[in-house]
All heavy atoms as atom14 arrays in JSON, in Angstrom:
{
  "sequence": "ALTLFAALGLGIALPFLAIAFVPALRRRMPRPGAWMNTFRRW",
  "atom14_mask": [
    [1, 1, 1, 1, 1, 0, 0, 0, 0, 0, 0, 0, 0, 0],
    [1, 1, 1, 1, 1, 1, 1, 1, 0, 0, 0, 0, 0, 0],
    [1, 1, 1, 1, 1, 1, 1, 0, 0, 0, 0, 0, 0, 0],
    [1, 1, 1, 1, 1, 1, 1, 1, 0, 0, 0, 0, 0, 0],
    [1, 1, 1, 1, 1, 1, 1, 1, 1, 1, 1, 0, 0, 0],
    [1, 1, 1, 1, 1, 0, 0, 0, 0, 0, 0, 0, 0, 0],
    [1, 1, 1, 1, 1, 0, 0, 0, 0, 0, 0, 0, 0, 0],
    [1, 1, 1, 1, 1, 1, 1, 1, 0, 0, 0, 0, 0, 0],
    [1, 1, 1, 1, 0, 0, 0, 0, 0, 0, 0, 0, 0, 0],
    [1, 1, 1, 1, 1, 1, 1, 1, 0, 0, 0, 0, 0, 0],
    [1, 1, 1, 1, 0, 0, 0, 0, 0, 0, 0, 0, 0, 0],
    [1, 1, 1, 1, 1, 1, 1, 1, 0, 0, 0, 0, 0, 0],
    [1, 1, 1, 1, 1, 0, 0, 0, 0, 0, 0, 0, 0, 0],
    [1, 1, 1, 1, 1, 1, 1, 1, 0, 0, 0, 0, 0, 0],
    [1, 1, 1, 1, 1, 1, 1, 0, 0, 0, 0, 0, 0, 0],
    [1, 1, 1, 1, 1, 1, 1, 1, 1, 1, 1, 0, 0, 0],
    [1, 1, 1, 1, 1, 1, 1, 1, 0, 0, 0, 0, 0, 0],
    [1, 1, 1, 1, 1, 0, 0, 0, 0, 0, 0, 0, 0, 0],
    [1, 1, 1, 1, 1, 1, 1, 1, 0, 0, 0, 0, 0, 0],
    [1, 1, 1, 1, 1, 0, 0, 0, 0, 0, 0, 0, 0, 0],
    [1, 1, 1, 1, 1, 1, 1, 1, 1, 1, 1, 0, 0, 0],
    [1, 1, 1, 1, 1, 1, 1, 0, 0, 0, 0, 0, 0, 0],
    [1, 1, 1, 1, 1, 1, 1, 0, 0, 0, 0, 0, 0, 0],
    [1, 1, 1, 1, 1, 0, 0, 0, 0, 0, 0, 0, 0, 0],
    [1, 1, 1, 1, 1, 1, 1, 1, 0, 0, 0, 0, 0, 0],
    [1, 1, 1, 1, 1, 1, 1, 1, 1, 1, 1, 0, 0, 0],
    [1, 1, 1, 1, 1, 1, 1, 1, 1, 1, 1, 0, 0, 0],
    [1, 1, 1, 1, 1, 1, 1, 1, 1, 1, 1, 0, 0, 0],
    [1, 1, 1, 1, 1, 1, 1, 1, 0, 0, 0, 0, 0, 0],
    [1, 1, 1, 1, 1, 1, 1, 0, 0, 0, 0, 0, 0, 0],
    [1, 1, 1, 1, 1, 1, 1, 1, 1, 1, 1, 0, 0, 0],
    [1, 1, 1, 1, 1, 1, 1, 0, 0, 0, 0, 0, 0, 0],
    [1, 1, 1, 1, 0, 0, 0, 0, 0, 0, 0, 0, 0, 0],
    [1, 1, 1, 1, 1, 0, 0, 0, 0, 0, 0, 0, 0, 0],
    [1, 1, 1, 1, 1, 1, 1, 1, 1, 1, 1, 1, 1, 1],
    [1, 1, 1, 1, 1, 1, 1, 1, 0, 0, 0, 0, 0, 0],
    [1, 1, 1, 1, 1, 1, 1, 1, 0, 0, 0, 0, 0, 0],
    [1, 1, 1, 1, 1, 1, 1, 0, 0, 0, 0, 0, 0, 0],
    [1, 1, 1, 1, 1, 1, 1, 1, 1, 1, 1, 0, 0, 0],
    [1, 1, 1, 1, 1, 1, 1, 1, 1, 1, 1, 0, 0, 0],
    [1, 1, 1, 1, 1, 1, 1, 1, 1, 1, 1, 0, 0, 0],
    [1, 1, 1, 1, 1, 1, 1, 1, 1, 1, 1, 1, 1, 1]
  ],
  "atom14_positions": [
    [[59.25, 33.41, 46.27], [60.59, 33.52, 46.84], [61.31, 32.18, 46.81], [62.48, 32.08, 46.41], [60.5, 34.05, 48.27], [0.0, 0.0, 0.0], [0.0, 0.0, 0.0], [0.0, 0.0, 0.0], [0.0, 0.0, 0.0], [0.0, 0.0, 0.0], [0.0, 0.0, 0.0], [0.0, 0.0, 0.0], [0.0, 0.0, 0.0], [0.0, 0.0, 0.0]],
    [[60.62, 31.12, 47.23], [61.25, 29.79, 47.22], [61.53, 29.33, 45.78], [62.51, 28.61, 45.54], [60.35, 28.79, 47.93], [60.24, 28.96, 49.45], [59.3, 27.91, 50.05], [61.61, 28.87, 50.12], [0.0, 0.0, 0.0], [0.0, 0.0, 0.0], [0.0, 0.0, 0.0], [0.0, 0.0, 0.0], [0.0, 0.0, 0.0], [0.0, 0.0, 0.0]],
    [[60.68, 29.75, 44.83], [60.95, 29.41, 43.43], [62.26, 30.03, 42.96], [63.03, 29.41, 42.22], [59.79, 29.9, 42.55], [58.56, 29.36, 43.04], [59.97, 29.45, 41.11], [0.0, 0.0, 0.0], [0.0, 0.0, 0.0], [0.0, 0.0, 0.0], [0.0, 0.0, 0.0], [0.0, 0.0, 0.0], [0.0, 0.0, 0.0], [0.0, 0.0, 0.0]],
    [[62.55, 31.24, 43.43], [63.82, 31.88, 43.08], [65.01, 31.12, 43.67], [66.04, 30.95, 43.0], [63.83, 33.33, 43.57], [62.95, 34.31, 42.81], [63.01, 35.7, 43.44], [63.36, 34.39, 41.36], [0.0, 0.0, 0.0], [0.0, 0.0, 0.0], [0.0, 0.0, 0.0], [0.0, 0.0, 0.0], [0.0, 0.0, 0.0], [0.0, 0.0, 0.0]],
    [[64.88, 30.66, 44.9], [65.97, 29.88, 45.51], [66.18, 28.57, 44.74], [67.32, 28.13, 44.55], [65.66, 29.61, 46.98], [65.8, 30.82, 47.86], [64.7, 31.36, 48.5], [67.03, 31.43, 48.05], [64.82, 32.48, 49.31], [67.16, 32.55, 48.85], [66.05, 33.08, 49.49], [0.0, 0.0, 0.0], [0.0, 0.0, 0.0], [0.0, 0.0, 0.0]],
    [[65.07, 27.94, 44.31], [65.21, 26.71, 43.54], [65.89, 26.98, 42.2], [66.73, 26.19, 41.74], [63.83, 26.08, 43.32], [0.0, 0.0, 0.0], [0.0, 0.0, 0.0], [0.0, 0.0, 0.0], [0.0, 0.0, 0.0], [0.0, 0.0, 0.0], [0.0, 0.0, 0.0], [0.0, 0.0, 0.0], [0.0, 0.0, 0.0], [0.0, 0.0, 0.0]],
    [[65.55, 28.1, 41.55], [66.19, 28.45, 40.28], [67.68, 28.69, 40.47], [68.5, 28.33, 39.62], [65.52, 29.68, 39.69], [0.0, 0.0, 0.0], [0.0, 0.0, 0.0], [0.0, 0.0, 0.0], [0.0, 0.0, 0.0], [0.0, 0.0, 0.0], [0.0, 0.0, 0.0], [0.0, 0.0, 0.0], [0.0, 0.0, 0.0], [0.0, 0.0, 0.0]],
    [[68.06, 29.3, 41.59], [69.47, 29.49, 41.89], [70.19, 28.15, 41.98], [71.28, 27.96, 41.4], [69.63, 30.26, 43.2], [71.04, 30.38, 43.75], [71.9, 31.26, 42.86], [71.02, 30.92, 45.19], [0.0, 0.0, 0.0], [0.0, 0.0, 0.0], [0.0, 0.0, 0.0], [0.0, 0.0, 0.0], [0.0, 0.0, 0.0], [0.0, 0.0, 0.0]],
    [[69.6, 27.19, 42.7], [70.2, 25.87, 42.81], [70.31, 25.17, 41.48], [71.33, 24.53, 41.17], [0.0, 0.0, 0.0], [0.0, 0.0, 0.0], [0.0, 0.0, 0.0], [0.0, 0.0, 0.0], [0.0, 0.0, 0.0], [0.0, 0.0, 0.0], [0.0, 0.0, 0.0], [0.0, 0.0, 0.0], [0.0, 0.0, 0.0], [0.0, 0.0, 0.0]],
    [[69.28, 25.31, 40.64], [69.33, 24.69, 39.31], [70.47, 25.29, 38.48], [71.17, 24.57, 37.75], [67.99, 24.88, 38.6], [67.88, 24.26, 37.21], [68.08, 22.75, 37.26], [66.52, 24.59, 36.59], [0.0, 0.0, 0.0], [0.0, 0.0, 0.0], [0.0, 0.0, 0.0], [0.0, 0.0, 0.0], [0.0, 0.0, 0.0], [0.0, 0.0, 0.0]],
    [[70.68, 26.59, 38.62], [71.77, 27.22, 37.89], [73.13, 26.71, 38.34], [74.02, 26.49, 37.51], [0.0, 0.0, 0.0], [0.0, 0.0, 0.0], [0.0, 0.0, 0.0], [0.0, 0.0, 0.0], [0.0, 0.0, 0.0], [0.0, 0.0, 0.0], [0.0, 0.0, 0.0], [0.0, 0.0, 0.0], [0.0, 0.0, 0.0], [0.0, 0.0, 0.0]],
    [[73.31, 26.51, 39.65], [74.58, 25.98, 40.15], [74.83, 24.57, 39.6], [75.96, 24.23, 39.23], [74.56, 25.96, 41.69], [74.48, 27.39, 42.25], [75.81, 25.27, 42.24], [74.29, 27.46, 43.75], [0.0, 0.0, 0.0], [0.0, 0.0, 0.0], [0.0, 0.0, 0.0], [0.0, 0.0, 0.0], [0.0, 0.0, 0.0], [0.0, 0.0, 0.0]],
    [[73.78, 23.76, 39.54], [73.94, 22.37, 39.12], [73.93, 22.19, 37.61], [74.24, 21.1, 37.12], [72.82, 21.52, 39.74], [0.0, 0.0, 0.0], [0.0, 0.0, 0.0], [0.0, 0.0, 0.0], [0.0, 0.0, 0.0], [0.0, 0.0, 0.0], [0.0, 0.0, 0.0], [0.0, 0.0, 0.0], [0.0, 0.0, 0.0], [0.0, 0.0, 0.0]],
    [[73.58, 23.24, 36.85], [73.35, 23.09, 35.42], [74.54, 22.5, 34.65], [74.35, 21.63, 33.8], [72.94, 24.44, 34.83], [72.14, 24.4, 33.52], [70.91, 23.52, 33.67], [71.74, 25.81, 33.11], [0.0, 0.0, 0.0], [0.0, 0.0, 0.0], [0.0, 0.0, 0.0], [0.0, 0.0, 0.0], [0.0, 0.0, 0.0], [0.0, 0.0, 0.0]],
    [[75.8, 22.93, 34.89], [76.91, 22.34, 34.13], [77.03, 20.83, 34.33], [77.22, 20.07, 33.37], [78.14, 23.08, 34.66], [77.61, 24.36, 35.2], [76.28, 24.03, 35.76], [0.0, 0.0, 0.0], [0.0, 0.0, 0.0], [0.0, 0.0, 0.0], [0.0, 0.0, 0.0], [0.0, 0.0, 0.0], [0.0, 0.0, 0.0], [0.0, 0.0, 0.0]],
    [[76.92, 20.38, 35.56], [77.03, 18.96, 35.85], [75.86, 18.2, 35.23], [76.01, 17.09, 34.71], [77.09, 18.76, 37.36], [77.45, 17.36, 37.76], [78.59, 16.73, 37.27], [76.65, 16.65, 38.64], [78.92, 15.45, 37.65], [76.97, 15.37, 39.03], [78.11, 14.76, 38.53], [0.0, 0.0, 0.0], [0.0, 0.0, 0.0], [0.0, 0.0, 0.0]],
    [[74.67, 18.82, 35.27], [73.49, 18.19, 34.68], [73.65, 18.08, 33.17], [73.25, 17.07, 32.56], [72.25, 19.02, 35.03], [70.88, 18.35, 34.84], [70.74, 17.13, 35.73], [69.77, 19.35, 35.14], [0.0, 0.0, 0.0], [0.0, 0.0, 0.0], [0.0, 0.0, 0.0], [0.0, 0.0, 0.0], [0.0, 0.0, 0.0], [0.0, 0.0, 0.0]],
    [[74.25, 19.11, 32.55], [74.46, 19.07, 31.1], [75.42, 17.95, 30.71], [75.2, 17.22, 29.74], [74.98, 20.42, 30.62], [0.0, 0.0, 0.0], [0.0, 0.0, 0.0], [0.0, 0.0, 0.0], [0.0, 0.0, 0.0], [0.0, 0.0, 0.0], [0.0, 0.0, 0.0], [0.0, 0.0, 0.0], [0.0, 0.0, 0.0], [0.0, 0.0, 0.0]],
    [[76.51, 17.79, 31.48], [77.47, 16.71, 31.2], [76.8, 15.35, 31.33], [77.07, 14.42, 30.57], [78.69, 16.84, 32.12], [79.49, 18.08, 31.74], [79.57, 15.6, 32.04], [80.64, 18.36, 32.68], [0.0, 0.0, 0.0], [0.0, 0.0, 0.0], [0.0, 0.0, 0.0], [0.0, 0.0, 0.0], [0.0, 0.0, 0.0], [0.0, 0.0, 0.0]],
    [[75.89, 15.24, 32.31], [75.24, 13.95, 32.55], [74.29, 13.57, 31.41], [74.13, 12.39, 31.1], [74.48, 13.99, 33.87], [0.0, 0.0, 0.0], [0.0, 0.0, 0.0], [0.0, 0.0, 0.0], [0.0, 0.0, 0.0], [0.0, 0.0, 0.0], [0.0, 0.0, 0.0], [0.0, 0.0, 0.0], [0.0, 0.0, 0.0], [0.0, 0.0, 0.0]],
    [[73.66, 14.57, 30.76], [72.62, 14.26, 29.79], [73.0, 14.57, 28.34], [72.23, 14.24, 27.44], [71.34, 15.03, 30.15], [70.53, 14.36, 31.23], [70.82, 14.57, 32.57], [69.5, 13.49, 30.9], [70.09, 13.95, 33.56], [68.76, 12.86, 31.89], [69.06, 13.09, 33.23], [0.0, 0.0, 0.0], [0.0, 0.0, 0.0], [0.0, 0.0, 0.0]],
    [[74.13, 15.2, 28.11], [74.55, 15.5, 26.73], [75.73, 14.58, 26.39], [76.84, 14.79, 26.89], [74.94, 16.98, 26.58], [75.4, 17.26, 25.14], [73.76, 17.88, 26.94], [0.0, 0.0, 0.0], [0.0, 0.0, 0.0], [0.0, 0.0, 0.0], [0.0, 0.0, 0.0], [0.0, 0.0, 0.0], [0.0, 0.0, 0.0], [0.0, 0.0, 0.0]],
    [[75.52, 13.54, 25.56], [76.6, 12.59, 25.26], [77.85, 13.25, 24.69], [78.97, 12.84, 24.99], [75.96, 11.63, 24.25], [74.48, 11.74, 24.52], [74.25, 13.15, 24.93], [0.0, 0.0, 0.0], [0.0, 0.0, 0.0], [0.0, 0.0, 0.0], [0.0, 0.0, 0.0], [0.0, 0.0, 0.0], [0.0, 0.0, 0.0], [0.0, 0.0, 0.0]],
    [[77.68, 14.29, 23.85], [78.84, 14.93, 23.24], [79.75, 15.53, 24.31], [80.99, 15.48, 24.2], [78.38, 16.01, 22.26], [0.0, 0.0, 0.0], [0.0, 0.0, 0.0], [0.0, 0.0, 0.0], [0.0, 0.0, 0.0], [0.0, 0.0, 0.0], [0.0, 0.0, 0.0], [0.0, 0.0, 0.0], [0.0, 0.0, 0.0], [0.0, 0.0, 0.0]],
    [[79.16, 16.12, 25.35], [79.97, 16.67, 26.44], [80.63, 15.55, 27.25], [81.78, 15.66, 27.67], [79.1, 17.55, 27.35], [78.57, 18.84, 26.74], [77.64, 19.55, 27.73], [79.72, 19.76, 26.35], [0.0, 0.0, 0.0], [0.0, 0.0, 0.0], [0.0, 0.0, 0.0], [0.0, 0.0, 0.0], [0.0, 0.0, 0.0], [0.0, 0.0, 0.0]],
    [[79.86, 14.47, 27.47], [80.39, 13.38, 28.29], [81.55, 12.68, 27.58], [82.49, 12.21, 28.23], [79.27, 12.4, 28.61], [79.6, 11.47, 29.76], [78.37, 10.78, 30.31], [77.64, 10.05, 29.29], [76.46, 10.42, 28.8], [75.89, 11.53, 29.22], [75.85, 9.7, 27.87], [0.0, 0.0, 0.0], [0.0, 0.0, 0.0], [0.0, 0.0, 0.0]],
    [[81.5, 12.63, 26.23], [82.6, 11.97, 25.51], [83.91, 12.73, 25.63], [84.98, 12.16, 25.43], [82.21, 11.81, 24.04], [81.24, 10.66, 23.78], [81.16, 10.32, 22.31], [80.62, 11.43, 21.52], [79.31, 11.55, 21.24], [78.43, 10.66, 21.7], [78.88, 12.56, 20.51], [0.0, 0.0, 0.0], [0.0, 0.0, 0.0], [0.0, 0.0, 0.0]],
    [[83.82, 14.02, 25.95], [85.04, 14.81, 26.12], [85.7, 14.57, 27.47], [86.84, 15.0, 27.69], [84.72, 16.29, 25.98], [84.3, 16.69, 24.56], [83.97, 18.16, 24.49], [83.63, 18.56, 23.13], [84.52, 18.99, 22.24], [85.8, 19.05, 22.56], [84.14, 19.33, 21.01], [0.0, 0.0, 0.0], [0.0, 0.0, 0.0], [0.0, 0.0, 0.0]],
    [[84.97, 13.92, 28.39], [85.54, 13.63, 29.71], [86.53, 12.48, 29.59], [86.31, 11.54, 28.82], [84.43, 13.26, 30.71], [83.41, 14.37, 30.94], [84.15, 15.86, 31.63], [84.74, 15.2, 33.19], [0.0, 0.0, 0.0], [0.0, 0.0, 0.0], [0.0, 0.0, 0.0], [0.0, 0.0, 0.0], [0.0, 0.0, 0.0], [0.0, 0.0, 0.0]],
    [[87.63, 12.48, 30.34], [88.59, 11.37, 30.31], [87.93, 10.07, 30.77], [87.05, 10.07, 31.63], [89.69, 11.8, 31.28], [89.37, 13.16, 31.73], [88.02, 13.54, 31.28], [0.0, 0.0, 0.0], [0.0, 0.0, 0.0], [0.0, 0.0, 0.0], [0.0, 0.0, 0.0], [0.0, 0.0, 0.0], [0.0, 0.0, 0.0], [0.0, 0.0, 0.0]],
    [[88.35, 8.97, 30.21], [87.82, 7.68, 30.6], [88.3, 7.32, 32.0], [89.44, 7.61, 32.38], [88.28, 6.59, 29.62], [87.91, 6.85, 28.17], [86.41, 6.96, 27.99], [85.72, 5.74, 28.36], [84.39, 5.62, 28.43], [83.62, 6.67, 28.16], [83.84, 4.46, 28.76], [0.0, 0.0, 0.0], [0.0, 0.0, 0.0], [0.0, 0.0, 0.0]],
    [[87.44, 6.68, 32.8], [87.87, 6.27, 34.13], [89.04, 5.3, 34.05], [89.17, 4.52, 33.1], [86.62, 5.59, 34.72], [85.48, 6.11, 33.89], [86.03, 6.36, 32.53], [0.0, 0.0, 0.0], [0.0, 0.0, 0.0], [0.0, 0.0, 0.0], [0.0, 0.0, 0.0], [0.0, 0.0, 0.0], [0.0, 0.0, 0.0], [0.0, 0.0, 0.0]],
    [[89.88, 5.37, 35.08], [91.04, 4.49, 35.12], [91.83, 4.7, 36.4], [91.38, 5.37, 37.34], [0.0, 0.0, 0.0], [0.0, 0.0, 0.0], [0.0, 0.0, 0.0], [0.0, 0.0, 0.0], [0.0, 0.0, 0.0], [0.0, 0.0, 0.0], [0.0, 0.0, 0.0], [0.0, 0.0, 0.0], [0.0, 0.0, 0.0], [0.0, 0.0, 0.0]],
    [[93.04, 4.16, 36.41], [93.88, 4.26, 37.61], [94.27, 5.7, 37.91], [94.58, 6.04, 39.06], [95.12, 3.39, 37.42], [0.0, 0.0, 0.0], [0.0, 0.0, 0.0], [0.0, 0.0, 0.0], [0.0, 0.0, 0.0], [0.0, 0.0, 0.0], [0.0, 0.0, 0.0], [0.0, 0.0, 0.0], [0.0, 0.0, 0.0], [0.0, 0.0, 0.0]],
    [[94.24, 6.56, 36.86], [94.63, 7.95, 37.08], [93.72, 8.65, 38.11], [94.12, 9.63, 38.73], [94.57, 8.73, 35.75], [93.18, 8.84, 35.18], [92.56, 7.98, 34.35], [92.24, 9.89, 35.45], [91.29, 8.41, 34.04], [91.07, 9.59, 34.71], [92.27, 11.04, 36.22], [89.95, 10.4, 34.73], [91.15, 11.86, 36.25], [90.0, 11.53, 35.51]],
    [[92.49, 8.1, 38.28], [91.56, 8.75, 39.21], [92.04, 8.7, 40.65], [91.76, 9.61, 41.43], [90.17, 8.12, 39.09], [89.49, 8.41, 37.75], [87.81, 7.75, 37.66], [87.01, 8.63, 38.97], [0.0, 0.0, 0.0], [0.0, 0.0, 0.0], [0.0, 0.0, 0.0], [0.0, 0.0, 0.0], [0.0, 0.0, 0.0], [0.0, 0.0, 0.0]],
    [[92.78, 7.64, 41.02], [93.3, 7.58, 42.39], [94.33, 8.68, 42.62], [94.34, 9.34, 43.67], [93.92, 6.2, 42.65], [92.88, 5.1, 42.7], [91.75, 5.34, 43.15], [93.23, 3.91, 42.22], [0.0, 0.0, 0.0], [0.0, 0.0, 0.0], [0.0, 0.0, 0.0], [0.0, 0.0, 0.0], [0.0, 0.0, 0.0], [0.0, 0.0, 0.0]],
    [[95.22, 8.88, 41.63], [96.19, 9.96, 41.76], [95.49, 11.32, 41.77], [95.83, 12.21, 42.56], [97.19, 9.9, 40.59], [97.81, 8.62, 40.57], [98.25, 10.99, 40.73], [0.0, 0.0, 0.0], [0.0, 0.0, 0.0], [0.0, 0.0, 0.0], [0.0, 0.0, 0.0], [0.0, 0.0, 0.0], [0.0, 0.0, 0.0], [0.0, 0.0, 0.0]],
    [[94.5, 11.45, 40.88], [93.74, 12.71, 40.82], [93.06, 13.0, 42.15], [93.05, 14.14, 42.63], [92.71, 12.59, 39.7], [91.87, 13.82, 39.52], [92.41, 14.97, 38.96], [90.53, 13.83, 39.89], [91.63, 16.11, 38.8], [89.75, 14.95, 39.73], [90.3, 16.1, 39.17], [0.0, 0.0, 0.0], [0.0, 0.0, 0.0], [0.0, 0.0, 0.0]],
    [[92.54, 11.95, 42.78], [91.88, 12.12, 44.07], [92.85, 12.64, 45.12], [92.51, 13.52, 45.91], [91.28, 10.78, 44.51], [90.78, 10.76, 45.94], [90.19, 9.42, 46.29], [90.0, 9.28, 47.72], [89.41, 8.25, 48.3], [88.94, 7.26, 47.55], [89.28, 8.2, 49.6], [0.0, 0.0, 0.0], [0.0, 0.0, 0.0], [0.0, 0.0, 0.0]],
    [[94.09, 12.11, 45.14], [95.08, 12.58, 46.11], [95.38, 14.06, 45.9], [95.48, 14.83, 46.85], [96.37, 11.77, 46.0], [96.21, 10.28, 46.22], [95.86, 9.94, 47.68], [95.94, 8.52, 47.94], [94.94, 7.66, 47.78], [93.76, 8.1, 47.33], [95.08, 6.38, 48.06], [0.0, 0.0, 0.0], [0.0, 0.0, 0.0], [0.0, 0.0, 0.0]],
    [[95.54, 14.46, 44.62], [95.84, 15.85, 44.34], [94.69, 16.77, 44.75], [94.92, 17.92, 45.15], [96.15, 16.04, 42.86], [97.55, 15.67, 42.5], [97.98, 14.56, 41.85], [98.74, 16.43, 42.81], [99.34, 14.55, 41.72], [99.84, 15.71, 42.3], [98.98, 17.64, 43.45], [101.15, 16.15, 42.42], [100.28, 18.1, 43.57], [101.35, 17.36, 43.06]]
  ]
}
């Protein structure tokens, strides 16, 4: 039962984990900059 709950959590985190470990996906992310402050307000 707990293994199923852990698998559920892994599924929720999977997109973020893929961006962190797949360089091709990470290169598609905008470069950090001053725009992040405005983005944070929005």
